[in-house]
């Protein structure tokens, strides 16, 4: 559902896919060709949230803000993995946030970063461009390869294709991503 809150309504165009079970509330702006997947919550009720173009917020992810002191800004070509928690932080372009990762208040993640599944990025932590981070708390694990940096873009591109398919397909027979059982 898309909810108005305190006279602020989410803003996005018809190129954005919003799953029927996703909730988008209040002062939220979403860029072109982005996608908000099943059971995700994006709650811009006590501050604003900005999501760039071609960004995907996967199933069960939660995006929230700090009351009056910290918005959440997510760049373009970002993948937020299933069950991730993103709260009052800044994520620049071309970032992959792994499944069940947590990004907390005032953290900053620069472009071309992979945050591994299950990682906890503590409040105020800054993640430098070009690295993989993992652990609890997050630590720089290693430099990303050129192929891994390219895979971040490919993940975003794949989700643009998926969301377009979801808006057009009405059966498994016409779904190009579905593999039938043998």
N, C-alpha and C. Protein backbone atom coordinates (compact mmCIF):
# COMPACT_ATOMS: atom_id res chain seq x y z
N UNK A 1 0.83 -1.18 0.00
CA UNK A 1 0.00 0.00 0.00
C UNK A 1 0.88 1.25 0.00
N UNK A 2 0.38 2.26 -0.61
CA UNK A 2 1.04 3.55 -0.63
C UNK A 2 0.20 4.48 0.25
N UNK A 3 0.83 5.03 1.31
CA UNK A 3 0.12 5.82 2.31
C UNK A 3 0.60 7.25 2.34
N UNK A 4 -0.35 8.17 2.43
CA UNK A 4 -0.02 9.55 2.75
C UNK A 4 0.13 9.63 4.27
N UNK A 5 1.08 10.44 4.73
CA UNK A 5 1.24 10.65 6.17
C UNK A 5 1.61 12.11 6.39
N UNK A 6 0.88 12.78 7.26
CA UNK A 6 1.09 14.21 7.56
C UNK A 6 1.19 15.03 6.27
N UNK A 7 0.26 14.76 5.37
CA UNK A 7 0.13 15.49 4.09
C UNK A 7 1.31 15.28 3.15
N UNK A 8 2.11 14.26 3.39
CA UNK A 8 3.21 13.91 2.48
C UNK A 8 2.88 12.56 1.86
N UNK A 9 2.95 12.51 0.53
CA UNK A 9 2.66 11.27 -0.20
C UNK A 9 3.91 10.80 -0.93
N UNK A 10 4.14 9.50 -0.99
CA UNK A 10 5.25 8.97 -1.78
C UNK A 10 5.16 9.43 -3.23
N UNK A 11 6.31 9.73 -3.82
CA UNK A 11 6.38 10.23 -5.20
C UNK A 11 7.22 9.28 -6.05
N UNK A 12 6.60 8.75 -7.12
CA UNK A 12 7.31 7.91 -8.08
C UNK A 12 6.44 7.80 -9.31
N UNK A 13 7.06 7.44 -10.46
CA UNK A 13 6.28 7.33 -11.70
C UNK A 13 5.92 5.90 -12.02
N UNK A 14 5.26 5.70 -13.16
CA UNK A 14 4.75 4.38 -13.54
C UNK A 14 5.84 3.37 -13.88
N UNK A 15 7.08 3.81 -14.01
CA UNK A 15 8.17 2.87 -14.29
C UNK A 15 8.62 2.11 -13.04
N UNK A 16 8.14 2.51 -11.87
CA UNK A 16 8.52 1.87 -10.60
C UNK A 16 7.56 0.73 -10.33
N UNK A 17 8.12 -0.44 -9.99
CA UNK A 17 7.29 -1.58 -9.59
C UNK A 17 7.17 -1.58 -8.07
N UNK A 18 5.92 -1.64 -7.59
CA UNK A 18 5.65 -1.77 -6.16
C UNK A 18 4.81 -3.02 -5.98
N UNK A 19 5.36 -4.03 -5.31
CA UNK A 19 4.61 -5.27 -5.06
C UNK A 19 3.37 -4.95 -4.22
N UNK A 20 2.30 -5.71 -4.43
CA UNK A 20 1.05 -5.44 -3.71
C UNK A 20 1.18 -5.47 -2.19
N UNK A 21 2.11 -6.24 -1.65
CA UNK A 21 2.26 -6.34 -0.20
C UNK A 21 3.30 -5.38 0.37
N UNK A 22 3.91 -4.56 -0.46
CA UNK A 22 4.88 -3.57 0.03
C UNK A 22 4.14 -2.38 0.61
N UNK A 23 4.75 -1.72 1.57
CA UNK A 23 4.18 -0.50 2.17
C UNK A 23 5.17 0.63 2.00
N UNK A 24 4.68 1.75 1.44
CA UNK A 24 5.48 2.95 1.25
C UNK A 24 4.70 4.08 1.89
N UNK A 25 5.31 4.74 2.87
CA UNK A 25 4.59 5.68 3.71
C UNK A 25 5.29 7.03 3.74
N UNK A 26 4.53 8.11 3.51
CA UNK A 26 4.98 9.46 3.77
C UNK A 26 5.92 10.05 2.75
N UNK A 27 6.94 10.73 3.24
CA UNK A 27 7.84 11.55 2.43
C UNK A 27 8.92 10.68 1.80
N UNK A 28 8.54 9.99 0.73
CA UNK A 28 9.42 9.05 0.04
C UNK A 28 9.43 9.40 -1.44
N UNK A 29 10.61 9.48 -2.01
CA UNK A 29 10.78 9.70 -3.45
C UNK A 29 11.55 8.52 -4.02
N UNK A 30 11.05 7.95 -5.13
CA UNK A 30 11.68 6.79 -5.74
C UNK A 30 11.95 7.08 -7.21
N UNK A 31 13.20 6.84 -7.65
CA UNK A 31 13.61 7.12 -9.02
C UNK A 31 13.11 6.09 -10.03
N UNK A 32 13.21 6.45 -11.28
CA UNK A 32 12.71 5.63 -12.39
C UNK A 32 13.30 4.22 -12.40
N UNK A 33 12.46 3.27 -12.82
CA UNK A 33 12.83 1.86 -13.01
C UNK A 33 13.33 1.17 -11.74
N UNK A 34 12.98 1.71 -10.59
CA UNK A 34 13.31 1.05 -9.33
C UNK A 34 12.20 0.06 -8.99
N UNK A 35 12.44 -0.78 -7.97
CA UNK A 35 11.44 -1.77 -7.60
C UNK A 35 11.44 -1.99 -6.10
N UNK A 36 10.22 -2.13 -5.58
CA UNK A 36 10.00 -2.35 -4.16
C UNK A 36 9.26 -3.69 -4.07
N UNK A 37 9.90 -4.70 -3.48
CA UNK A 37 9.41 -6.06 -3.55
C UNK A 37 8.55 -6.45 -2.35
N UNK A 38 8.08 -7.66 -2.36
CA UNK A 38 7.05 -8.15 -1.46
C UNK A 38 7.42 -7.97 0.02
N UNK A 39 6.44 -7.45 0.77
CA UNK A 39 6.52 -7.26 2.22
C UNK A 39 7.59 -6.26 2.67
N UNK A 40 8.11 -5.47 1.76
CA UNK A 40 9.07 -4.43 2.15
C UNK A 40 8.31 -3.25 2.74
N UNK A 41 8.99 -2.54 3.64
CA UNK A 41 8.41 -1.33 4.23
C UNK A 41 9.40 -0.19 4.05
N UNK A 42 8.89 0.91 3.51
CA UNK A 42 9.68 2.13 3.35
C UNK A 42 8.89 3.22 4.06
N UNK A 43 9.38 3.64 5.23
CA UNK A 43 8.57 4.47 6.11
C UNK A 43 9.21 5.84 6.31
N UNK A 44 8.75 6.80 5.50
CA UNK A 44 9.20 8.19 5.58
C UNK A 44 8.22 9.01 6.40
N UNK A 45 8.02 8.63 7.65
CA UNK A 45 7.01 9.29 8.46
C UNK A 45 7.55 10.44 9.31
N UNK A 46 8.76 10.31 9.85
CA UNK A 46 9.32 11.36 10.70
C UNK A 46 10.56 12.00 10.10
N UNK A 47 10.83 11.69 8.85
CA UNK A 47 11.89 12.30 8.06
C UNK A 47 11.72 11.79 6.63
N UNK A 48 12.56 12.22 5.71
CA UNK A 48 12.38 11.84 4.30
C UNK A 48 13.31 10.70 3.89
N UNK A 49 12.87 10.02 2.82
CA UNK A 49 13.65 8.94 2.21
C UNK A 49 13.72 9.21 0.72
N UNK A 50 14.91 9.11 0.17
CA UNK A 50 15.12 9.26 -1.27
C UNK A 50 15.80 7.99 -1.79
N UNK A 51 15.22 7.42 -2.84
CA UNK A 51 15.77 6.22 -3.48
C UNK A 51 16.02 6.56 -4.94
N UNK A 52 17.19 6.26 -5.45
CA UNK A 52 17.57 6.62 -6.80
C UNK A 52 16.95 5.73 -7.87
N UNK A 53 17.50 5.82 -9.07
CA UNK A 53 17.00 5.09 -10.23
C UNK A 53 17.59 3.67 -10.27
N UNK A 54 16.79 2.74 -10.78
CA UNK A 54 17.22 1.34 -10.99
C UNK A 54 17.66 0.66 -9.70
N UNK A 55 17.12 1.09 -8.59
CA UNK A 55 17.44 0.51 -7.29
C UNK A 55 16.35 -0.48 -6.91
N UNK A 56 16.74 -1.59 -6.31
CA UNK A 56 15.76 -2.59 -5.90
C UNK A 56 15.84 -2.82 -4.40
N UNK A 57 14.66 -2.78 -3.79
CA UNK A 57 14.50 -3.05 -2.37
C UNK A 57 13.80 -4.40 -2.29
N UNK A 58 14.53 -5.42 -1.91
CA UNK A 58 14.02 -6.79 -2.02
C UNK A 58 13.12 -7.18 -0.84
N UNK A 59 12.51 -8.34 -0.97
CA UNK A 59 11.49 -8.84 -0.06
C UNK A 59 11.88 -8.67 1.40
N UNK A 60 10.92 -8.17 2.18
CA UNK A 60 11.02 -8.03 3.64
C UNK A 60 12.04 -7.01 4.12
N UNK A 61 12.62 -6.21 3.24
CA UNK A 61 13.55 -5.18 3.68
C UNK A 61 12.77 -4.05 4.36
N UNK A 62 13.44 -3.38 5.31
CA UNK A 62 12.85 -2.22 5.99
C UNK A 62 13.77 -1.03 5.81
N UNK A 63 13.18 0.07 5.37
CA UNK A 63 13.90 1.33 5.20
C UNK A 63 13.21 2.35 6.09
N UNK A 64 13.95 2.96 7.02
CA UNK A 64 13.36 3.94 7.91
C UNK A 64 14.34 5.09 8.12
N UNK A 65 14.01 6.01 9.01
CA UNK A 65 14.73 7.26 9.21
C UNK A 65 14.92 7.52 10.70
N UNK A 66 15.72 8.54 11.02
CA UNK A 66 15.85 9.01 12.40
C UNK A 66 14.91 10.20 12.56
N UNK A 67 14.18 10.21 13.63
CA UNK A 67 13.17 11.24 13.88
C UNK A 67 13.77 12.64 13.81
N UNK A 68 13.41 13.39 12.78
CA UNK A 68 13.77 14.79 12.55
C UNK A 68 15.26 15.05 12.38
N UNK A 69 16.12 14.07 12.65
CA UNK A 69 17.56 14.33 12.59
C UNK A 69 18.28 13.59 11.48
N UNK A 70 17.69 12.55 10.92
CA UNK A 70 18.43 11.76 9.95
C UNK A 70 17.55 11.13 8.89
N UNK A 71 17.58 11.68 7.68
CA UNK A 71 16.87 11.04 6.57
C UNK A 71 17.64 9.80 6.11
N UNK A 72 17.07 9.10 5.16
CA UNK A 72 17.76 7.99 4.51
C UNK A 72 17.86 8.29 3.03
N UNK A 73 19.07 8.22 2.51
CA UNK A 73 19.28 8.47 1.09
C UNK A 73 19.97 7.26 0.49
N UNK A 74 19.34 6.70 -0.55
CA UNK A 74 19.87 5.53 -1.25
C UNK A 74 20.06 5.93 -2.71
N UNK A 75 21.23 5.70 -3.26
CA UNK A 75 21.56 6.13 -4.61
C UNK A 75 20.94 5.27 -5.70
N UNK A 76 21.50 5.37 -6.88
CA UNK A 76 21.05 4.63 -8.06
C UNK A 76 21.85 3.35 -8.22
N UNK A 77 21.21 2.35 -8.87
CA UNK A 77 21.85 1.06 -9.14
C UNK A 77 22.28 0.36 -7.85
N UNK A 78 21.42 0.45 -6.84
CA UNK A 78 21.67 -0.16 -5.54
C UNK A 78 20.77 -1.38 -5.39
N UNK A 79 21.30 -2.44 -4.81
CA UNK A 79 20.52 -3.61 -4.45
C UNK A 79 20.50 -3.71 -2.93
N UNK A 80 19.30 -3.69 -2.37
CA UNK A 80 19.11 -3.90 -0.93
C UNK A 80 18.54 -5.30 -0.80
N UNK A 81 19.31 -6.23 -0.25
CA UNK A 81 18.94 -7.64 -0.20
C UNK A 81 17.77 -7.95 0.72
N UNK A 82 17.26 -9.15 0.57
CA UNK A 82 16.13 -9.64 1.36
C UNK A 82 16.40 -9.47 2.85
N UNK A 83 15.38 -9.01 3.57
CA UNK A 83 15.43 -8.87 5.04
C UNK A 83 16.46 -7.87 5.54
N UNK A 84 16.98 -7.01 4.69
CA UNK A 84 17.94 -6.00 5.15
C UNK A 84 17.20 -4.91 5.93
N UNK A 85 17.93 -4.26 6.84
CA UNK A 85 17.43 -3.14 7.62
C UNK A 85 18.33 -1.94 7.32
N UNK A 86 17.73 -0.87 6.82
CA UNK A 86 18.47 0.34 6.47
C UNK A 86 17.81 1.49 7.24
N UNK A 87 18.59 2.17 8.09
CA UNK A 87 18.00 3.13 9.01
C UNK A 87 18.82 4.41 9.11
N UNK A 88 18.26 5.53 8.66
CA UNK A 88 18.86 6.85 8.87
C UNK A 88 20.28 6.99 8.39
N UNK A 89 20.56 6.51 7.16
CA UNK A 89 21.93 6.48 6.66
C UNK A 89 21.98 6.95 5.21
N UNK A 90 23.18 6.98 4.65
CA UNK A 90 23.38 7.34 3.26
C UNK A 90 24.10 6.21 2.55
N UNK A 91 23.50 5.76 1.44
CA UNK A 91 24.10 4.72 0.60
C UNK A 91 24.26 5.33 -0.78
N UNK A 92 25.49 5.44 -1.26
CA UNK A 92 25.75 6.05 -2.57
C UNK A 92 25.42 5.05 -3.69
N UNK A 93 25.77 5.40 -4.92
CA UNK A 93 25.45 4.59 -6.11
C UNK A 93 26.25 3.28 -6.15
N UNK A 94 25.65 2.28 -6.84
CA UNK A 94 26.31 1.00 -7.13
C UNK A 94 26.82 0.32 -5.86
N UNK A 95 25.88 0.02 -4.99
CA UNK A 95 26.17 -0.68 -3.75
C UNK A 95 25.27 -1.90 -3.68
N UNK A 96 25.81 -3.00 -3.17
CA UNK A 96 25.01 -4.19 -2.92
C UNK A 96 25.00 -4.43 -1.41
N UNK A 97 23.81 -4.36 -0.82
CA UNK A 97 23.62 -4.65 0.60
C UNK A 97 23.11 -6.09 0.68
N UNK A 98 23.86 -6.98 1.29
CA UNK A 98 23.54 -8.40 1.33
C UNK A 98 22.31 -8.72 2.17
N UNK A 99 21.85 -9.94 1.99
CA UNK A 99 20.69 -10.46 2.71
C UNK A 99 20.91 -10.31 4.22
N UNK A 100 19.91 -9.79 4.88
CA UNK A 100 19.86 -9.65 6.34
C UNK A 100 20.96 -8.76 6.91
N UNK A 101 21.52 -7.86 6.10
CA UNK A 101 22.48 -6.88 6.60
C UNK A 101 21.72 -5.76 7.30
N UNK A 102 22.40 -5.06 8.20
CA UNK A 102 21.81 -3.94 8.93
C UNK A 102 22.73 -2.74 8.80
N UNK A 103 22.17 -1.62 8.33
CA UNK A 103 22.93 -0.37 8.17
C UNK A 103 22.28 0.65 9.10
N UNK A 104 23.03 1.16 10.08
CA UNK A 104 22.43 1.99 11.12
C UNK A 104 22.71 3.48 10.95
N UNK A 105 22.17 4.25 11.87
CA UNK A 105 22.11 5.71 11.84
C UNK A 105 23.44 6.37 11.49
N UNK A 106 23.35 7.28 10.53
CA UNK A 106 24.45 8.13 10.09
C UNK A 106 25.62 7.39 9.49
N UNK A 107 25.45 6.11 9.18
CA UNK A 107 26.48 5.40 8.43
C UNK A 107 26.49 5.94 7.00
N UNK A 108 27.64 5.88 6.35
CA UNK A 108 27.79 6.32 4.96
C UNK A 108 28.49 5.20 4.21
N UNK A 109 27.86 4.77 3.12
CA UNK A 109 28.46 3.74 2.27
C UNK A 109 28.73 4.38 0.92
N UNK A 110 30.01 4.48 0.58
CA UNK A 110 30.38 5.10 -0.69
C UNK A 110 30.11 4.15 -1.86
N UNK A 111 30.22 4.64 -3.08
CA UNK A 111 29.91 3.87 -4.28
C UNK A 111 30.83 2.66 -4.44
N UNK A 112 30.32 1.66 -5.19
CA UNK A 112 31.08 0.46 -5.54
C UNK A 112 31.54 -0.30 -4.29
N UNK A 113 30.55 -0.68 -3.48
CA UNK A 113 30.81 -1.42 -2.24
C UNK A 113 29.85 -2.60 -2.19
N UNK A 114 30.35 -3.72 -1.64
CA UNK A 114 29.50 -4.85 -1.30
C UNK A 114 29.54 -5.01 0.21
N UNK A 115 28.34 -5.02 0.81
CA UNK A 115 28.19 -5.30 2.23
C UNK A 115 27.66 -6.73 2.30
N UNK A 116 28.46 -7.63 2.85
CA UNK A 116 28.14 -9.06 2.85
C UNK A 116 26.87 -9.35 3.65
N UNK A 117 26.25 -10.47 3.34
CA UNK A 117 25.06 -10.92 4.04
C UNK A 117 25.31 -10.97 5.54
N UNK A 118 24.34 -10.51 6.32
CA UNK A 118 24.42 -10.57 7.77
C UNK A 118 25.31 -9.54 8.43
N UNK A 119 25.89 -8.65 7.67
CA UNK A 119 26.81 -7.64 8.21
C UNK A 119 26.06 -6.57 8.99
N UNK A 120 26.66 -6.09 10.07
CA UNK A 120 26.14 -4.98 10.85
C UNK A 120 27.05 -3.77 10.66
N UNK A 121 26.52 -2.72 10.04
CA UNK A 121 27.26 -1.47 9.87
C UNK A 121 26.79 -0.55 11.01
N UNK A 122 27.66 -0.28 12.00
CA UNK A 122 27.23 0.47 13.17
C UNK A 122 27.03 1.96 12.88
N UNK A 123 26.38 2.66 13.80
CA UNK A 123 26.13 4.09 13.61
C UNK A 123 27.41 4.86 13.31
N UNK A 124 27.33 5.75 12.31
CA UNK A 124 28.43 6.64 11.99
C UNK A 124 29.58 6.03 11.21
N UNK A 125 29.56 4.74 10.95
CA UNK A 125 30.65 4.07 10.22
C UNK A 125 30.64 4.53 8.76
N UNK A 126 31.82 4.76 8.19
CA UNK A 126 31.97 5.15 6.78
C UNK A 126 32.67 4.00 6.06
N UNK A 127 32.04 3.50 4.99
CA UNK A 127 32.61 2.42 4.20
C UNK A 127 33.19 3.00 2.92
N UNK A 128 34.47 2.79 2.74
CA UNK A 128 35.24 3.33 1.62
C UNK A 128 34.91 2.59 0.32
N UNK A 129 34.92 3.30 -0.78
CA UNK A 129 34.62 2.76 -2.10
C UNK A 129 35.61 1.68 -2.51
N UNK A 130 35.07 0.64 -3.20
CA UNK A 130 35.92 -0.38 -3.81
C UNK A 130 36.21 -1.59 -2.96
N UNK A 131 35.49 -1.77 -1.85
CA UNK A 131 35.78 -2.87 -0.94
C UNK A 131 34.54 -3.69 -0.59
N UNK A 132 34.81 -4.91 -0.13
CA UNK A 132 33.77 -5.73 0.49
C UNK A 132 33.94 -5.58 2.00
N UNK A 133 32.79 -5.43 2.67
CA UNK A 133 32.77 -5.33 4.12
C UNK A 133 31.95 -6.48 4.66
N UNK A 134 32.39 -7.01 5.80
CA UNK A 134 31.62 -8.09 6.43
C UNK A 134 31.89 -8.10 7.93
N UNK A 135 30.98 -8.77 8.64
CA UNK A 135 31.15 -8.95 10.07
C UNK A 135 30.20 -8.09 10.88
N UNK A 136 30.32 -8.26 12.20
CA UNK A 136 29.48 -7.54 13.13
C UNK A 136 30.37 -7.12 14.31
N UNK A 137 30.89 -5.91 14.28
CA UNK A 137 30.61 -4.83 13.35
C UNK A 137 31.36 -5.01 12.02
N UNK A 138 30.92 -4.28 11.00
CA UNK A 138 31.50 -4.37 9.67
C UNK A 138 32.97 -3.99 9.68
N UNK A 139 33.76 -4.81 8.98
CA UNK A 139 35.19 -4.52 8.79
C UNK A 139 35.50 -4.68 7.32
N UNK A 140 36.47 -3.88 6.86
CA UNK A 140 36.91 -4.00 5.48
C UNK A 140 37.54 -5.38 5.31
N UNK A 141 36.97 -6.17 4.42
CA UNK A 141 37.43 -7.54 4.22
C UNK A 141 38.51 -7.63 3.14
N UNK A 142 38.20 -7.05 1.96
CA UNK A 142 39.17 -7.08 0.86
C UNK A 142 38.72 -6.14 -0.25
N UNK A 143 39.65 -5.85 -1.14
CA UNK A 143 39.35 -5.02 -2.31
C UNK A 143 38.48 -5.82 -3.27
N UNK A 144 37.51 -5.15 -3.90
CA UNK A 144 36.66 -5.80 -4.89
C UNK A 144 37.41 -5.96 -6.21
N UNK A 145 37.12 -7.05 -6.90
CA UNK A 145 37.66 -7.23 -8.25
C UNK A 145 36.81 -6.42 -9.23
N UNK A 146 37.34 -6.22 -10.43
CA UNK A 146 36.57 -5.52 -11.46
C UNK A 146 35.27 -6.28 -11.77
N UNK A 147 35.35 -7.61 -11.74
CA UNK A 147 34.16 -8.43 -12.02
C UNK A 147 33.10 -8.23 -10.93
N UNK A 148 33.50 -8.12 -9.69
CA UNK A 148 32.55 -7.90 -8.60
C UNK A 148 31.90 -6.52 -8.70
N UNK A 149 32.69 -5.54 -9.06
CA UNK A 149 32.11 -4.19 -9.24
C UNK A 149 31.09 -4.23 -10.37
N UNK A 150 31.42 -4.92 -11.45
CA UNK A 150 30.47 -5.06 -12.56
C UNK A 150 29.23 -5.84 -12.12
N UNK A 151 29.39 -6.81 -11.23
CA UNK A 151 28.24 -7.61 -10.78
C UNK A 151 27.23 -6.77 -9.99
N UNK A 152 27.68 -5.70 -9.36
CA UNK A 152 26.76 -4.80 -8.65
C UNK A 152 25.82 -4.15 -9.67
N UNK A 153 26.39 -3.67 -10.78
CA UNK A 153 25.56 -3.08 -11.85
C UNK A 153 24.62 -4.13 -12.45
N UNK A 154 25.15 -5.33 -12.65
CA UNK A 154 24.33 -6.39 -13.25
C UNK A 154 23.16 -6.77 -12.36
N UNK A 155 23.37 -6.77 -11.05
CA UNK A 155 22.27 -7.05 -10.13
C UNK A 155 21.16 -6.01 -10.31
N UNK A 156 21.53 -4.76 -10.36
CA UNK A 156 20.54 -3.70 -10.57
C UNK A 156 19.84 -3.85 -11.92
N UNK A 157 20.62 -4.14 -12.97
CA UNK A 157 20.03 -4.33 -14.31
C UNK A 157 19.06 -5.51 -14.32
N UNK A 158 19.43 -6.61 -13.65
CA UNK A 158 18.54 -7.77 -13.59
C UNK A 158 17.21 -7.42 -12.93
N UNK A 159 17.25 -6.65 -11.86
CA UNK A 159 16.00 -6.30 -11.18
C UNK A 159 15.15 -5.33 -12.00
N UNK A 160 15.76 -4.53 -12.86
CA UNK A 160 14.95 -3.72 -13.78
C UNK A 160 14.20 -4.66 -14.72
N UNK A 161 14.89 -5.71 -15.22
CA UNK A 161 14.22 -6.68 -16.09
C UNK A 161 13.11 -7.42 -15.33
N UNK A 162 13.40 -7.84 -14.09
CA UNK A 162 12.39 -8.58 -13.31
C UNK A 162 11.15 -7.73 -13.09
N UNK A 163 11.35 -6.47 -12.70
CA UNK A 163 10.19 -5.63 -12.41
C UNK A 163 9.37 -5.36 -13.67
N UNK A 164 10.03 -5.23 -14.79
CA UNK A 164 9.28 -5.04 -16.04
C UNK A 164 8.46 -6.29 -16.35
N UNK A 165 9.05 -7.46 -16.11
CA UNK A 165 8.34 -8.72 -16.34
C UNK A 165 7.13 -8.82 -15.42
N UNK A 166 7.29 -8.48 -14.16
CA UNK A 166 6.18 -8.54 -13.21
C UNK A 166 5.03 -7.64 -13.64
N UNK A 167 5.35 -6.53 -14.25
CA UNK A 167 4.29 -5.62 -14.68
C UNK A 167 3.59 -6.12 -15.95
N UNK A 168 4.20 -7.05 -16.69
CA UNK A 168 3.65 -7.50 -17.96
C UNK A 168 3.14 -8.92 -17.99
N UNK A 169 3.75 -9.82 -17.22
CA UNK A 169 3.46 -11.25 -17.31
C UNK A 169 2.21 -11.59 -16.51
N UNK A 170 1.36 -12.42 -17.10
CA UNK A 170 0.18 -12.86 -16.38
C UNK A 170 0.12 -14.38 -16.21
N UNK A 171 1.18 -15.08 -16.61
CA UNK A 171 1.21 -16.53 -16.38
C UNK A 171 2.65 -17.03 -16.42
N UNK A 172 2.88 -18.19 -15.79
CA UNK A 172 4.22 -18.78 -15.81
C UNK A 172 4.66 -19.11 -17.23
N UNK A 173 3.74 -19.47 -18.10
CA UNK A 173 4.09 -19.87 -19.46
C UNK A 173 4.77 -18.74 -20.24
N UNK A 174 4.44 -17.50 -19.91
CA UNK A 174 5.03 -16.37 -20.63
C UNK A 174 6.14 -15.67 -19.84
N UNK A 175 6.52 -16.22 -18.68
CA UNK A 175 7.55 -15.63 -17.86
C UNK A 175 8.93 -16.12 -18.32
N UNK A 176 9.78 -15.23 -18.86
CA UNK A 176 11.08 -15.67 -19.37
C UNK A 176 12.05 -16.10 -18.27
N UNK A 177 11.75 -15.81 -16.99
CA UNK A 177 12.65 -16.16 -15.90
C UNK A 177 12.26 -17.46 -15.21
N UNK A 178 11.10 -18.00 -15.52
CA UNK A 178 10.60 -19.19 -14.85
C UNK A 178 11.14 -20.45 -15.53
N UNK A 179 11.69 -21.36 -14.72
CA UNK A 179 12.17 -22.66 -15.22
C UNK A 179 11.23 -23.73 -14.71
N UNK A 180 10.47 -24.39 -15.59
CA UNK A 180 9.54 -25.42 -15.13
C UNK A 180 10.27 -26.64 -14.58
N UNK A 181 9.60 -27.35 -13.71
CA UNK A 181 10.16 -28.58 -13.15
C UNK A 181 10.26 -29.63 -14.24
N UNK A 182 11.29 -30.45 -14.17
CA UNK A 182 11.49 -31.52 -15.17
C UNK A 182 10.93 -32.83 -14.66
